């Protein structure tokens, strides 16, 4: 599933640190307006994996459940989160058991 965000939403992602909106407000504006279910709680194993790969994902992501998704995937809510998704090291993170995290920077193309 490719998630399209309007240019104004991308610009808003770049200003999130300045506007100091809550995680819930950002997630609702970005994902809720598109009917995508989200959860503030990130899977701890994924957070640990990201940290081992040099990424601090806390406060930059929510867990989203696009239509038909049972397990969900990370959804950036800040410009820093979007930059992490674009990083090839982030895209290629592997969970235990060599299962790839199912997220692709192509999903976040403008």
PDB file of N, CA and C in Angstrom:
ATOM      1  N   UNK A   1       0.829  -1.170   0.000  1.00  0.00           N
ATOM      2  CA  UNK A   1       0.000   0.000   0.000  1.00  0.00           C
ATOM      3  C   UNK A   1       0.874   1.233   0.000  1.00  0.00           C
ATOM      4  N   UNK A   2       0.657   2.130  -0.929  1.00  0.00           N
ATOM      5  CA  UNK A   2       1.394   3.373  -0.990  1.00  0.00           C
ATOM      6  C   UNK A   2       0.580   4.434  -0.262  1.00  0.00           C
ATOM      7  N   UNK A   3       1.205   5.091   0.687  1.00  0.00           N
ATOM      8  CA  UNK A   3       0.515   6.120   1.453  1.00  0.00           C
ATOM      9  C   UNK A   3       0.923   7.468   0.889  1.00  0.00           C
ATOM     10  N   UNK A   4      -0.033   8.188   0.366  1.00  0.00           N
ATOM     11  CA  UNK A   4       0.230   9.496  -0.223  1.00  0.00           C
ATOM     12  C   UNK A   4      -0.144  10.581   0.777  1.00  0.00           C
ATOM     13  N   UNK A   5       0.752  11.508   0.988  1.00  0.00           N
ATOM     14  CA  UNK A   5       0.466  12.657   1.826  1.00  0.00           C
ATOM     15  C   UNK A   5       0.548  13.901   0.962  1.00  0.00           C
ATOM     16  N   UNK A   6      -0.359  14.830   1.175  1.00  0.00           N
ATOM     17  CA  UNK A   6      -0.343  16.070   0.396  1.00  0.00           C
ATOM     18  C   UNK A   6       0.896  16.882   0.751  1.00  0.00           C
ATOM     19  N   UNK A   7       1.242  17.811  -0.133  1.00  0.00           N
ATOM     20  CA  UNK A   7       2.423  18.634   0.094  1.00  0.00           C
ATOM     21  C   UNK A   7       2.298  19.386   1.419  1.00  0.00           C
ATOM     22  N   UNK A   8       1.106  19.866   1.740  1.00  0.00           N
ATOM     23  CA  UNK A   8       0.926  20.604   2.995  1.00  0.00           C
ATOM     24  C   UNK A   8       1.182  19.703   4.204  1.00  0.00           C
ATOM     25  N   UNK A   9       0.801  18.428   4.111  1.00  0.00           N
ATOM     26  CA  UNK A   9       1.061  17.512   5.234  1.00  0.00           C
ATOM     27  C   UNK A   9       2.562  17.249   5.373  1.00  0.00           C
ATOM     28  N   UNK A  10       3.275  17.124   4.237  1.00  0.00           N
ATOM     29  CA  UNK A  10       4.721  16.926   4.290  1.00  0.00           C
ATOM     30  C   UNK A  10       5.380  18.156   4.897  1.00  0.00           C
ATOM     31  N   UNK A  11       4.906  19.356   4.509  1.00  0.00           N
ATOM     32  CA  UNK A  11       5.455  20.575   5.086  1.00  0.00           C
ATOM     33  C   UNK A  11       5.185  20.611   6.583  1.00  0.00           C
ATOM     34  N   UNK A  12       4.009  20.169   6.989  1.00  0.00           N
ATOM     35  CA  UNK A  12       3.652  20.140   8.403  1.00  0.00           C
ATOM     36  C   UNK A  12       4.577  19.183   9.163  1.00  0.00           C
ATOM     37  N   UNK A  13       4.918  18.051   8.548  1.00  0.00           N
ATOM     38  CA  UNK A  13       5.846  17.118   9.196  1.00  0.00           C
ATOM     39  C   UNK A  13       7.175  17.806   9.482  1.00  0.00           C
ATOM     40  N   UNK A  14       7.593  18.686   8.587  1.00  0.00           N
ATOM     41  CA  UNK A  14       8.846  19.412   8.774  1.00  0.00           C
ATOM     42  C   UNK A  14       8.783  20.442   9.884  1.00  0.00           C
ATOM     43  N   UNK A  15       7.588  20.833  10.293  1.00  0.00           N
ATOM     44  CA  UNK A  15       7.421  21.870  11.314  1.00  0.00           C
ATOM     45  C   UNK A  15       6.978  21.314  12.667  1.00  0.00           C
ATOM     46  N   UNK A  16       6.902  20.019  12.804  1.00  0.00           N
ATOM     47  CA  UNK A  16       6.316  19.451  14.021  1.00  0.00           C
ATOM     48  C   UNK A  16       7.080  19.812  15.288  1.00  0.00           C
ATOM     49  N   UNK A  17       8.373  19.917  15.201  1.00  0.00           N
ATOM     50  CA  UNK A  17       9.137  20.251  16.398  1.00  0.00           C
ATOM     51  C   UNK A  17       8.788  21.664  16.857  1.00  0.00           C
ATOM     52  N   UNK A  18       8.573  22.576  15.925  1.00  0.00           N
ATOM     53  CA  UNK A  18       8.264  23.957  16.261  1.00  0.00           C
ATOM     54  C   UNK A  18       6.842  24.116  16.798  1.00  0.00           C
ATOM     55  N   UNK A  19       5.918  23.323  16.297  1.00  0.00           N
ATOM     56  CA  UNK A  19       4.532  23.495  16.702  1.00  0.00           C
ATOM     57  C   UNK A  19       4.188  22.727  17.972  1.00  0.00           C
ATOM     58  N   UNK A  20       5.025  21.807  18.378  1.00  0.00           N
ATOM     59  CA  UNK A  20       4.860  21.037  19.614  1.00  0.00           C
ATOM     60  C   UNK A  20       3.476  20.406  19.753  1.00  0.00           C
ATOM     61  N   UNK A  21       2.987  19.795  18.692  1.00  0.00           N
ATOM     62  CA  UNK A  21       1.727  19.067  18.766  1.00  0.00           C
ATOM     63  C   UNK A  21       1.964  17.739  19.466  1.00  0.00           C
ATOM     64  N   UNK A  22       0.903  17.183  20.033  1.00  0.00           N
ATOM     65  CA  UNK A  22       1.045  15.880  20.682  1.00  0.00           C
ATOM     66  C   UNK A  22       1.160  14.790  19.618  1.00  0.00           C
ATOM     67  N   UNK A  23       1.685  13.653  20.034  1.00  0.00           N
ATOM     68  CA  UNK A  23       1.795  12.499  19.135  1.00  0.00           C
ATOM     69  C   UNK A  23       0.411  12.152  18.584  1.00  0.00           C
ATOM     70  N   UNK A  24      -0.600  12.173  19.461  1.00  0.00           N
ATOM     71  CA  UNK A  24      -1.962  11.851  19.041  1.00  0.00           C
ATOM     72  C   UNK A  24      -2.496  12.809  18.002  1.00  0.00           C
ATOM     73  N   UNK A  25      -2.238  14.106  18.183  1.00  0.00           N
ATOM     74  CA  UNK A  25      -2.693  15.101  17.207  1.00  0.00           C
ATOM     75  C   UNK A  25      -2.043  14.892  15.851  1.00  0.00           C
ATOM     76  N   UNK A  26      -0.736  14.637  15.864  1.00  0.00           N
ATOM     77  CA  UNK A  26      -0.017  14.423  14.604  1.00  0.00           C
ATOM     78  C   UNK A  26      -0.520  13.157  13.905  1.00  0.00           C
ATOM     79  N   UNK A  27      -0.626  12.078  14.669  1.00  0.00           N
ATOM     80  CA  UNK A  27      -1.071  10.811  14.082  1.00  0.00           C
ATOM     81  C   UNK A  27      -2.480  10.935  13.528  1.00  0.00           C
ATOM     82  N   UNK A  28      -3.354  11.607  14.257  1.00  0.00           N
ATOM     83  CA  UNK A  28      -4.736  11.781  13.795  1.00  0.00           C
ATOM     84  C   UNK A  28      -4.777  12.585  12.503  1.00  0.00           C
ATOM     85  N   UNK A  29      -3.981  13.640  12.446  1.00  0.00           N
ATOM     86  CA  UNK A  29      -3.969  14.472  11.245  1.00  0.00           C
ATOM     87  C   UNK A  29      -3.402  13.730  10.032  1.00  0.00           C
ATOM     88  N   UNK A  30      -2.334  12.974  10.251  1.00  0.00           N
ATOM     89  CA  UNK A  30      -1.667  12.292   9.136  1.00  0.00           C
ATOM     90  C   UNK A  30      -2.390  11.014   8.728  1.00  0.00           C
ATOM     91  N   UNK A  31      -2.738  10.175   9.695  1.00  0.00           N
ATOM     92  CA  UNK A  31      -3.301   8.865   9.378  1.00  0.00           C
ATOM     93  C   UNK A  31      -4.806   8.767   9.597  1.00  0.00           C
ATOM     94  N   UNK A  32      -5.287   9.354  10.670  1.00  0.00           N
ATOM     95  CA  UNK A  32      -6.716   9.282  10.965  1.00  0.00           C
ATOM     96  C   UNK A  32      -7.565   9.911   9.880  1.00  0.00           C
ATOM     97  N   UNK A  33      -7.063  10.996   9.300  1.00  0.00           N
ATOM     98  CA  UNK A  33      -7.805  11.662   8.228  1.00  0.00           C
ATOM     99  C   UNK A  33      -7.903  10.790   6.975  1.00  0.00           C
ATOM    100  N   UNK A  34      -7.048   9.775   6.877  1.00  0.00           N
ATOM    101  CA  UNK A  34      -7.081   8.849   5.737  1.00  0.00           C
ATOM    102  C   UNK A  34      -7.775   7.539   6.101  1.00  0.00           C
ATOM    103  N   UNK A  35      -8.308   7.465   7.307  1.00  0.00           N
ATOM    104  CA  UNK A  35      -9.002   6.253   7.736  1.00  0.00           C
ATOM    105  C   UNK A  35      -8.082   5.111   8.117  1.00  0.00           C
ATOM    106  N   UNK A  36      -6.826   5.418   8.411  1.00  0.00           N
ATOM    107  CA  UNK A  36      -5.855   4.388   8.787  1.00  0.00           C
ATOM    108  C   UNK A  36      -5.829   4.282  10.312  1.00  0.00           C
ATOM    109  N   UNK A  37      -6.026   3.086  10.812  1.00  0.00           N
ATOM    110  CA  UNK A  37      -5.980   2.848  12.254  1.00  0.00           C
ATOM    111  C   UNK A  37      -4.538   2.956  12.723  1.00  0.00           C
ATOM    112  N   UNK A  38      -4.322   3.571  13.880  1.00  0.00           N
ATOM    113  CA  UNK A  38      -2.966   3.691  14.412  1.00  0.00           C
ATOM    114  C   UNK A  38      -2.977   3.460  15.918  1.00  0.00           C
ATOM    115  N   UNK A  39      -1.789   3.160  16.428  1.00  0.00           N
ATOM    116  CA  UNK A  39      -1.613   2.908  17.855  1.00  0.00           C
ATOM    117  C   UNK A  39      -0.362   3.654  18.299  1.00  0.00           C
ATOM    118  N   UNK A  40      -0.437   4.320  19.446  1.00  0.00           N
ATOM    119  CA  UNK A  40       0.729   5.048  19.958  1.00  0.00           C
ATOM    120  C   UNK A  40       1.815   4.108  20.448  1.00  0.00           C
ATOM    121  N   UNK A  41       1.436   2.928  20.890  1.00  0.00           N
ATOM    122  CA  UNK A  41       2.396   1.968  21.430  1.00  0.00           C
ATOM    123  C   UNK A  41       3.151   1.288  20.287  1.00  0.00           C
ATOM    124  N   UNK A  42       4.459   1.368  20.365  1.00  0.00           N
ATOM    125  CA  UNK A  42       5.308   0.716  19.366  1.00  0.00           C
ATOM    126  C   UNK A  42       5.741  -0.639  19.924  1.00  0.00           C
ATOM    127  N   UNK A  43       5.805  -1.670  19.065  1.00  0.00           N
ATOM    128  CA  UNK A  43       6.276  -2.976  19.539  1.00  0.00           C
ATOM    129  C   UNK A  43       7.698  -2.869  20.097  1.00  0.00           C
ATOM    130  N   UNK A  44       7.896  -3.312  21.328  1.00  0.00           N
ATOM    131  CA  UNK A  44       9.192  -3.155  21.985  1.00  0.00           C
ATOM    132  C   UNK A  44      10.321  -3.820  21.213  1.00  0.00           C
ATOM    133  N   UNK A  45      10.071  -4.981  20.615  1.00  0.00           N
ATOM    134  CA  UNK A  45      11.125  -5.653  19.844  1.00  0.00           C
ATOM    135  C   UNK A  45      11.565  -4.794  18.664  1.00  0.00           C
ATOM    136  N   UNK A  46      10.601  -4.090  18.046  1.00  0.00           N
ATOM    137  CA  UNK A  46      10.933  -3.219  16.918  1.00  0.00           C
ATOM    138  C   UNK A  46      11.729  -2.003  17.401  1.00  0.00           C
ATOM    139  N   UNK A  47      11.339  -1.429  18.529  1.00  0.00           N
ATOM    140  CA  UNK A  47      12.070  -0.289  19.094  1.00  0.00           C
ATOM    141  C   UNK A  47      13.502  -0.714  19.416  1.00  0.00           C
ATOM    142  N   UNK A  48      13.670  -1.884  20.040  1.00  0.00           N
ATOM    143  CA  UNK A  48      15.004  -2.398  20.367  1.00  0.00           C
ATOM    144  C   UNK A  48      15.826  -2.620  19.101  1.00  0.00           C
ATOM    145  N   UNK A  49      15.218  -3.184  18.079  1.00  0.00           N
ATOM    146  CA  UNK A  49      15.894  -3.424  16.805  1.00  0.00           C
ATOM    147  C   UNK A  49      16.343  -2.108  16.184  1.00  0.00           C
ATOM    148  N   UNK A  50      15.472  -1.125  16.186  1.00  0.00           N
ATOM    149  CA  UNK A  50      15.804   0.186  15.623  1.00  0.00           C
ATOM    150  C   UNK A  50      16.973   0.810  16.391  1.00  0.00           C
ATOM    151  N   UNK A  51      16.932   0.720  17.716  1.00  0.00           N
ATOM    152  CA  UNK A  51      18.020   1.285  18.522  1.00  0.00           C
ATOM    153  C   UNK A  51      19.340   0.595  18.237  1.00  0.00           C
ATOM    154  N   UNK A  52      19.317  -0.732  18.066  1.00  0.00           N
ATOM    155  CA  UNK A  52      20.547  -1.464  17.730  1.00  0.00           C
ATOM    156  C   UNK A  52      21.104  -1.031  16.374  1.00  0.00           C
ATOM    157  N   UNK A  53      20.230  -0.508  15.507  1.00  0.00           N
ATOM    158  CA  UNK A  53      20.662  -0.049  14.192  1.00  0.00           C
ATOM    159  C   UNK A  53      20.907   1.463  14.156  1.00  0.00           C
ATOM    160  N   UNK A  54      20.891   2.102  15.321  1.00  0.00           N
ATOM    161  CA  UNK A  54      21.236   3.515  15.410  1.00  0.00           C
ATOM    162  C   UNK A  54      20.081   4.492  15.235  1.00  0.00           C
ATOM    163  N   UNK A  55      18.835   4.030  15.349  1.00  0.00           N
ATOM    164  CA  UNK A  55      17.678   4.904  15.178  1.00  0.00           C
ATOM    165  C   UNK A  55      16.919   5.058  16.491  1.00  0.00           C
ATOM    166  N   UNK A  56      16.582   6.298  16.837  1.00  0.00           N
ATOM    167  CA  UNK A  56      15.724   6.557  17.992  1.00  0.00           C
ATOM    168  C   UNK A  56      14.330   6.823  17.445  1.00  0.00           C
ATOM    169  N   UNK A  57      13.495   5.817  17.467  1.00  0.00           N
ATOM    170  CA  UNK A  57      12.173   5.904  16.834  1.00  0.00           C
ATOM    171  C   UNK A  57      11.098   6.452  17.759  1.00  0.00           C
ATOM    172  N   UNK A  58      11.387   6.498  19.053  1.00  0.00           N
ATOM    173  CA  UNK A  58      10.399   7.012  20.008  1.00  0.00           C
ATOM    174  C   UNK A  58      10.057   8.458  19.679  1.00  0.00           C
ATOM    175  N   UNK A  59       8.802   8.781  19.730  1.00  0.00           N
ATOM    176  CA  UNK A  59       8.228  10.102  19.429  1.00  0.00           C
ATOM    177  C   UNK A  59       8.342  10.514  17.963  1.00  0.00           C
ATOM    178  N   UNK A  60       8.849   9.642  17.114  1.00  0.00           N
ATOM    179  CA  UNK A  60       8.907   9.916  15.685  1.00  0.00           C
ATOM    180  C   UNK A  60       7.981   9.010  14.880  1.00  0.00           C
ATOM    181  N   UNK A  61       7.410   7.990  15.547  1.00  0.00           N
ATOM    182  CA  UNK A  61       6.572   7.004  14.870  1.00  0.00           C
ATOM    183  C   UNK A  61       5.355   6.638  15.709  1.00  0.00           C
ATOM    184  N   UNK A  62       4.321   6.183  15.026  1.00  0.00           N
ATOM    185  CA  UNK A  62       3.216   5.443  15.628  1.00  0.00           C
ATOM    186  C   UNK A  62       3.155   4.138  14.851  1.00  0.00           C
ATOM    187  N   UNK A  63       2.402   3.175  15.342  1.00  0.00           N
ATOM    188  CA  UNK A  63       2.247   1.901  14.619  1.00  0.00           C
ATOM    189  C   UNK A  63       0.934   1.994  13.855  1.00  0.00           C
ATOM    190  N   UNK A  64       0.996   1.819  12.539  1.00  0.00           N
ATOM    191  CA  UNK A  64      -0.209   1.957  11.716  1.00  0.00           C
ATOM    192  C   UNK A  64      -0.663   0.606  11.181  1.00  0.00           C
ATOM    193  N   UNK A  65      -1.951   0.533  10.922  1.00  0.00           N
ATOM    194  CA  UNK A  65      -2.570  -0.679  10.402  1.00  0.00           C
ATOM    195  C   UNK A  65      -3.340  -0.324   9.137  1.00  0.00           C
ATOM    196  N   UNK A  66      -2.641  -0.288   7.983  1.00  0.00           N
ATOM    197  CA  UNK A  66      -3.359  -0.031   6.732  1.00  0.00           C
ATOM    198  C   UNK A  66      -4.418  -1.107   6.504  1.00  0.00           C
ATOM    199  N   UNK A  67      -5.403  -0.804   5.722  1.00  0.00           N
ATOM    200  CA  UNK A  67      -6.496  -1.742   5.455  1.00  0.00           C
ATOM    201  C   UNK A  67      -5.945  -3.107   5.051  1.00  0.00           C
ATOM    202  N   UNK A  68      -6.423  -4.135   5.722  1.00  0.00           N
ATOM    203  CA  UNK A  68      -5.992  -5.494   5.421  1.00  0.00           C
ATOM    204  C   UNK A  68      -4.730  -5.929   6.149  1.00  0.00           C
ATOM    205  N   UNK A  69      -4.115  -5.036   6.912  1.00  0.00           N
ATOM    206  CA  UNK A  69      -2.880  -5.366   7.617  1.00  0.00           C
ATOM    207  C   UNK A  69      -3.197  -5.900   9.006  1.00  0.00           C
ATOM    208  N   UNK A  70      -2.717  -7.086   9.287  1.00  0.00           N
ATOM    209  CA  UNK A  70      -2.959  -7.698  10.586  1.00  0.00           C
ATOM    210  C   UNK A  70      -1.918  -7.267  11.619  1.00  0.00           C
ATOM    211  N   UNK A  71      -0.667  -7.173  11.196  1.00  0.00           N
ATOM    212  CA  UNK A  71       0.413  -6.887  12.124  1.00  0.00           C
ATOM    213  C   UNK A  71       0.838  -5.429  12.146  1.00  0.00           C
ATOM    214  N   UNK A  72       0.486  -4.678  11.126  1.00  0.00           N
ATOM    215  CA  UNK A  72       0.829  -3.269  11.089  1.00  0.00           C
ATOM    216  C   UNK A  72       2.265  -3.002  10.684  1.00  0.00           C
ATOM    217  N   UNK A  73       2.609  -1.728  10.729  1.00  0.00           N
ATOM    218  CA  UNK A  73       3.935  -1.284  10.331  1.00  0.00           C
ATOM    219  C   UNK A  73       4.196   0.090  10.935  1.00  0.00           C
ATOM    220  N   UNK A  74       5.464   0.504  10.984  1.00  0.00           N
ATOM    221  CA  UNK A  74       5.759   1.825  11.528  1.00  0.00           C
ATOM    222  C   UNK A  74       5.249   2.929  10.602  1.00  0.00           C
ATOM    223  N   UNK A  75       4.750   3.986  11.206  1.00  0.00           N
ATOM    224  CA  UNK A  75       4.280   5.143  10.448  1.00  0.00           C
ATOM    225  C   UNK A  75       4.908   6.406  11.001  1.00  0.00           C
ATOM    226  N   UNK A  76       5.742   7.104  10.225  1.00  0.00           N
ATOM    227  CA  UNK A  76       6.397   8.307  10.741  1.00  0.00           C
ATOM    228  C   UNK A  76       5.399   9.437  10.986  1.00  0.00           C
ATOM    229  N   UNK A  77       5.657  10.213  12.022  1.00  0.00           N
ATOM    230  CA  UNK A  77       4.805  11.363  12.311  1.00  0.00           C
ATOM    231  C   UNK A  77       5.617  12.658  12.390  1.00  0.00           C
ATOM    232  N   UNK A  78       6.926  12.556  12.180  1.00  0.00           N
ATOM    233  CA  UNK A  78       7.784  13.744  12.179  1.00  0.00           C
ATOM    234  C   UNK A  78       8.681  13.707  10.952  1.00  0.00           C
ATOM    235  N   UNK A  79       9.276  14.846  10.642  1.00  0.00           N
ATOM    236  CA  UNK A  79      10.226  14.909   9.522  1.00  0.00           C
ATOM    237  C   UNK A  79      11.409  13.978   9.787  1.00  0.00           C
ATOM    238  N   UNK A  80      11.844  13.899  11.048  1.00  0.00           N
ATOM    239  CA  UNK A  80      12.952  12.997  11.401  1.00  0.00           C
ATOM    240  C   UNK A  80      12.557  11.547  11.122  1.00  0.00           C
ATOM    241  N   UNK A  81      11.316  11.187  11.436  1.00  0.00           N
ATOM    242  CA  UNK A  81      10.836   9.841  11.152  1.00  0.00           C
ATOM    243  C   UNK A  81      10.827   9.539   9.664  1.00  0.00           C
ATOM    244  N   UNK A  82      10.398  10.505   8.867  1.00  0.00           N
ATOM    245  CA  UNK A  82      10.389  10.328   7.402  1.00  0.00           C
ATOM    246  C   UNK A  82      11.809  10.130   6.895  1.00  0.00           C
ATOM    247  N   UNK A  83      12.756  10.897   7.431  1.00  0.00           N
ATOM    248  CA  UNK A  83      14.154  10.739   7.012  1.00  0.00           C
ATOM    249  C   UNK A  83      14.680   9.352   7.387  1.00  0.00           C
ATOM    250  N   UNK A  84      14.280   8.838   8.547  1.00  0.00           N
ATOM    251  CA  UNK A  84      14.702   7.484   8.935  1.00  0.00           C
ATOM    252  C   UNK A  84      14.190   6.455   7.938  1.00  0.00           C
ATOM    253  N   UNK A  85      12.931   6.599   7.528  1.00  0.00           N
ATOM    254  CA  UNK A  85      12.329   5.646   6.587  1.00  0.00           C
ATOM    255  C   UNK A  85      13.081   5.660   5.265  1.00  0.00           C
ATOM    256  N   UNK A  86      13.572   6.799   4.860  1.00  0.00           N
ATOM    257  CA  UNK A  86      14.288   6.917   3.588  1.00  0.00           C
ATOM    258  C   UNK A  86      15.691   6.324   3.653  1.00  0.00           C
ATOM    259  N   UNK A  87      16.207   6.110   4.847  1.00  0.00           N
ATOM    260  CA  UNK A  87      17.550   5.567   5.034  1.00  0.00           C
ATOM    261  C   UNK A  87      17.557   4.079   4.694  1.00  0.00           C
ATOM    262  N   UNK A  88      18.467   3.668   3.819  1.00  0.00           N
ATOM    263  CA  UNK A  88      18.497   2.260   3.390  1.00  0.00           C
ATOM    264  C   UNK A  88      18.788   1.327   4.559  1.00  0.00           C
ATOM    265  N   UNK A  89      19.526   1.783   5.558  1.00  0.00           N
ATOM    266  CA  UNK A  89      19.807   0.948   6.727  1.00  0.00           C
ATOM    267  C   UNK A  89      18.512   0.654   7.490  1.00  0.00           C
ATOM    268  N   UNK A  90      17.624   1.638   7.556  1.00  0.00           N
ATOM    269  CA  UNK A  90      16.332   1.461   8.217  1.00  0.00           C
ATOM    270  C   UNK A  90      15.485   0.473   7.430  1.00  0.00           C
ATOM    271  N   UNK A  91      15.452   0.634   6.118  1.00  0.00           N
ATOM    272  CA  UNK A  91      14.638  -0.229   5.266  1.00  0.00           C
ATOM    273  C   UNK A  91      15.089  -1.681   5.350  1.00  0.00           C
ATOM    274  N   UNK A  92      16.367  -1.894   5.583  1.00  0.00           N
ATOM    275  CA  UNK A  92      16.907  -3.253   5.583  1.00  0.00           C
ATOM    276  C   UNK A  92      17.071  -3.864   6.965  1.00  0.00           C
ATOM    277  N   UNK A  93      16.532  -3.195   7.997  1.00  0.00           N
ATOM    278  CA  UNK A  93      16.601  -3.781   9.341  1.00  0.00           C
ATOM    279  C   UNK A  93      15.923  -5.144   9.326  1.00  0.00           C
ATOM    280  N   UNK A  94      16.497  -6.077  10.041  1.00  0.00           N
ATOM    281  CA  UNK A  94      15.901  -7.408  10.107  1.00  0.00           C
ATOM    282  C   UNK A  94      15.555  -7.745  11.534  1.00  0.00           C
ATOM    283  N   UNK A  95      14.408  -8.299  11.672  1.00  0.00           N
ATOM    284  CA  UNK A  95      13.980  -8.744  12.992  1.00  0.00           C
ATOM    285  C   UNK A  95      14.619 -10.094  13.280  1.00  0.00           C
ATOM    286  N   UNK A  96      14.463 -10.580  14.501  1.00  0.00           N
ATOM    287  CA  UNK A  96      15.019 -11.894  14.818  1.00  0.00           C
ATOM    288  C   UNK A  96      14.380 -12.939  13.912  1.00  0.00           C
ATOM    289  N   UNK A  97      15.138 -13.907  13.525  1.00  0.00           N
ATOM    290  CA  UNK A  97      14.648 -14.927  12.607  1.00  0.00           C
ATOM    291  C   UNK A  97      14.789 -14.486  11.154  1.00  0.00           C
ATOM    292  N   UNK A  98      15.562 -13.421  10.919  1.00  0.00           N
ATOM    293  CA  UNK A  98      15.810 -12.892   9.577  1.00  0.00           C
ATOM    294  C   UNK A  98      14.550 -12.495   8.824  1.00  0.00           C
ATOM    295  N   UNK A  99      13.501 -12.132   9.541  1.00  0.00           N
ATOM    296  CA  UNK A  99      12.300 -11.631   8.866  1.00  0.00           C
ATOM    297  C   UNK A  99      12.462 -10.141   8.697  1.00  0.00           C
ATOM    298  N   UNK A 100      12.301  -9.683   7.467  1.00  0.00           N
ATOM    299  CA  UNK A 100      12.468  -8.268   7.188  1.00  0.00           C
ATOM    300  C   UNK A 100      11.277  -7.479   7.695  1.00  0.00           C
ATOM    301  N   UNK A 101      11.530  -6.318   8.246  1.00  0.00           N
ATOM    302  CA  UNK A 101      10.447  -5.419   8.645  1.00  0.00           C
ATOM    303  C   UNK A 101       9.793  -4.930   7.364  1.00  0.00           C
ATOM    304  N   UNK A 102       8.486  -5.039   7.285  1.00  0.00           N
ATOM    305  CA  UNK A 102       7.807  -4.704   6.040  1.00  0.00           C
ATOM    306  C   UNK A 102       7.499  -3.214   5.973  1.00  0.00           C
ATOM    307  N   UNK A 103       8.500  -2.459   5.561  1.00  0.00           N
ATOM    308  CA  UNK A 103       8.307  -1.041   5.293  1.00  0.00           C
ATOM    309  C   UNK A 103       9.261  -0.655   4.175  1.00  0.00           C
ATOM    310  N   UNK A 104       8.790   0.153   3.322  1.00  0.00           N
ATOM    311  CA  UNK A 104       9.594   0.569   2.187  1.00  0.00           C
ATOM    312  C   UNK A 104       9.503   2.072   2.009  1.00  0.00           C
ATOM    313  N   UNK A 105      10.631   2.695   1.680  1.00  0.00           N
ATOM    314  CA  UNK A 105      10.614   4.143   1.474  1.00  0.00           C
ATOM    315  C   UNK A 105       9.709   4.514   0.311  1.00  0.00           C
ATOM    316  N   UNK A 106       9.411   3.577  -0.590  1.00  0.00           N
ATOM    317  CA  UNK A 106       8.513   3.874  -1.711  1.00  0.00           C
ATOM    318  C   UNK A 106       7.112   4.206  -1.219  1.00  0.00           C
ATOM    319  N   UNK A 107       6.755   3.710  -0.037  1.00  0.00           N
ATOM    320  CA  UNK A 107       5.437   4.013   0.525  1.00  0.00           C
ATOM    321  C   UNK A 107       5.308   5.476   0.869  1.00  0.00           C
ATOM    322  N   UNK A 108       6.406   6.129   1.096  1.00  0.00           N
ATOM    323  CA  UNK A 108       6.365   7.504   1.597  1.00  0.00           C
ATOM    324  C   UNK A 108       6.742   8.521   0.535  1.00  0.00           C
ATOM    325  N   UNK A 109       6.722   8.104  -0.723  1.00  0.00           N
ATOM    326  CA  UNK A 109       7.010   9.038  -1.796  1.00  0.00           C
ATOM    327  C   UNK A 109       5.910  10.081  -1.866  1.00  0.00           C
ATOM    328  N   UNK A 110       6.324  11.274  -2.211  1.00  0.00           N
ATOM    329  CA  UNK A 110       5.362  12.368  -2.263  1.00  0.00           C
ATOM    330  C   UNK A 110       4.495  12.261  -3.499  1.00  0.00           C
TER     331      UNK A 110
END
